[in-house]
């Protein structure tokens, strides 16, 4: 898998990665990765942006927290956002989806 440079990711996201790092700190995110079309040549203005997230221990991970994070990212990026929680993915039954995401995700914050 070919990894994108930080500058290539910033060009696609149209923001500085430091802005995402600030969000990670605000929401107690331990690790943030991108997966899906954002990392491929088929990314376009109709795409969504897929994030794989791990929170710091003892951080609330309820629907309200994830909804606020999703809204915050969508307003910053001006793209629809999908958030997948890494722990939920690892515990899920869909091993094909799990393997695809884990094998192609590119970590941008840890």
Protein backbone atom coordinates (compact mmCIF):
# COMPACT_ATOMS: atom_id res chain seq x y z
CA UNK A 1 0.00 0.00 0.00
CA UNK A 2 1.32 3.41 -0.97
CA UNK A 3 1.20 5.94 1.87
CA UNK A 4 0.38 9.58 1.21
CA UNK A 5 2.71 12.27 2.51
CA UNK A 6 1.43 14.77 5.06
CA UNK A 7 1.34 17.46 2.37
CA UNK A 8 -0.71 15.21 0.05
CA UNK A 9 -3.18 14.54 2.86
CA UNK A 10 -3.42 18.26 3.63
CA UNK A 11 -4.09 18.99 -0.06
CA UNK A 12 -6.93 16.47 -0.15
CA UNK A 13 -8.42 17.59 3.17
CA UNK A 14 -7.85 21.28 2.35
CA UNK A 15 -6.75 21.94 5.94
CA UNK A 16 -3.57 21.71 7.99
CA UNK A 17 -3.05 18.45 9.86
CA UNK A 18 -2.38 20.61 12.93
CA UNK A 19 -6.08 21.51 12.90
CA UNK A 20 -6.92 17.80 13.13
CA UNK A 21 -4.31 17.35 15.87
CA UNK A 22 -6.06 20.06 17.89
CA UNK A 23 -9.36 18.16 17.56
CA UNK A 24 -7.62 14.96 18.65
CA UNK A 25 -6.41 16.66 21.80
CA UNK A 26 -9.80 18.26 22.46
CA UNK A 27 -11.61 14.89 22.22
CA UNK A 28 -8.91 12.81 23.98
CA UNK A 29 -8.18 10.83 20.84
CA UNK A 30 -5.24 8.47 21.17
CA UNK A 31 -5.00 7.55 17.49
CA UNK A 32 -6.60 8.89 14.31
CA UNK A 33 -6.26 7.22 10.94
CA UNK A 34 -7.77 7.73 7.51
CA UNK A 35 -9.07 4.96 5.29
CA UNK A 36 -11.16 4.62 2.17
CA UNK A 37 -11.28 6.85 -0.88
CA UNK A 38 -9.39 9.75 0.76
CA UNK A 39 -6.26 7.61 0.33
CA UNK A 40 -7.02 6.50 -3.22
CA UNK A 41 -7.10 8.13 -6.62
CA UNK A 42 -10.92 7.95 -6.75
CA UNK A 43 -11.34 10.60 -4.01
CA UNK A 44 -13.42 13.54 -5.29
CA UNK A 45 -15.72 16.34 -4.10
CA UNK A 46 -18.63 13.87 -3.72
CA UNK A 47 -16.65 11.51 -1.47
CA UNK A 48 -16.92 11.22 2.26
CA UNK A 49 -13.93 11.03 4.60
CA UNK A 50 -13.51 7.90 6.69
CA UNK A 51 -11.77 8.13 10.06
CA UNK A 52 -10.61 5.28 12.29
CA UNK A 53 -10.44 6.52 15.89
CA UNK A 54 -9.08 5.21 19.19
CA UNK A 55 -9.76 7.19 22.35
CA UNK A 56 -7.52 7.57 25.38
CA UNK A 57 -8.43 5.21 28.25
CA UNK A 58 -11.40 6.34 30.38
CA UNK A 59 -12.65 8.75 27.69
CA UNK A 60 -16.45 8.71 27.21
CA UNK A 61 -17.20 7.12 23.84
CA UNK A 62 -20.96 7.40 23.79
CA UNK A 63 -23.18 8.51 20.96
CA UNK A 64 -23.10 12.15 22.10
CA UNK A 65 -19.29 12.33 22.03
CA UNK A 66 -19.05 10.66 18.64
CA UNK A 67 -21.86 12.84 17.25
CA UNK A 68 -20.10 16.01 18.41
CA UNK A 69 -16.80 14.82 16.95
CA UNK A 70 -18.48 13.97 13.63
CA UNK A 71 -20.16 17.38 13.47
CA UNK A 72 -16.92 19.16 14.36
CA UNK A 73 -15.00 17.31 11.63
CA UNK A 74 -17.72 17.88 9.01
CA UNK A 75 -17.83 21.62 9.68
CA UNK A 76 -14.04 21.85 9.48
CA UNK A 77 -13.62 19.69 6.37
CA UNK A 78 -16.82 20.52 4.44
CA UNK A 79 -17.21 16.83 3.61
CA UNK A 80 -19.47 14.15 5.05
CA UNK A 81 -17.53 12.17 7.66
CA UNK A 82 -17.81 8.56 8.78
CA UNK A 83 -16.23 7.58 12.09
CA UNK A 84 -15.30 4.02 12.94
CA UNK A 85 -14.14 3.25 16.48
CA UNK A 86 -11.15 0.91 16.34
CA UNK A 87 -12.16 -1.11 19.42
CA UNK A 88 -15.65 -1.70 17.98
CA UNK A 89 -14.15 -2.73 14.67
CA UNK A 90 -11.86 -5.27 16.34
CA UNK A 91 -14.82 -6.77 18.22
CA UNK A 92 -17.10 -6.86 15.17
CA UNK A 93 -18.24 -9.94 13.28
CA UNK A 94 -17.42 -8.62 9.80
CA UNK A 95 -13.83 -9.81 9.47
CA UNK A 96 -13.63 -8.84 5.79
CA UNK A 97 -14.45 -5.19 6.58
CA UNK A 98 -12.16 -5.25 9.63
CA UNK A 99 -9.20 -6.59 7.64
CA UNK A 100 -9.76 -4.17 4.77
CA UNK A 101 -9.84 -1.15 7.08
CA UNK A 102 -6.95 -2.22 9.31
CA UNK A 103 -4.76 -3.17 6.33
CA UNK A 104 -5.34 0.08 4.43
CA UNK A 105 -5.70 2.72 7.16
CA UNK A 106 -3.02 5.40 7.37
CA UNK A 107 -2.38 6.78 10.84
CA UNK A 108 -2.12 10.57 10.94
CA UNK A 109 -2.12 11.12 14.72
CA UNK A 110 -0.91 9.10 17.69
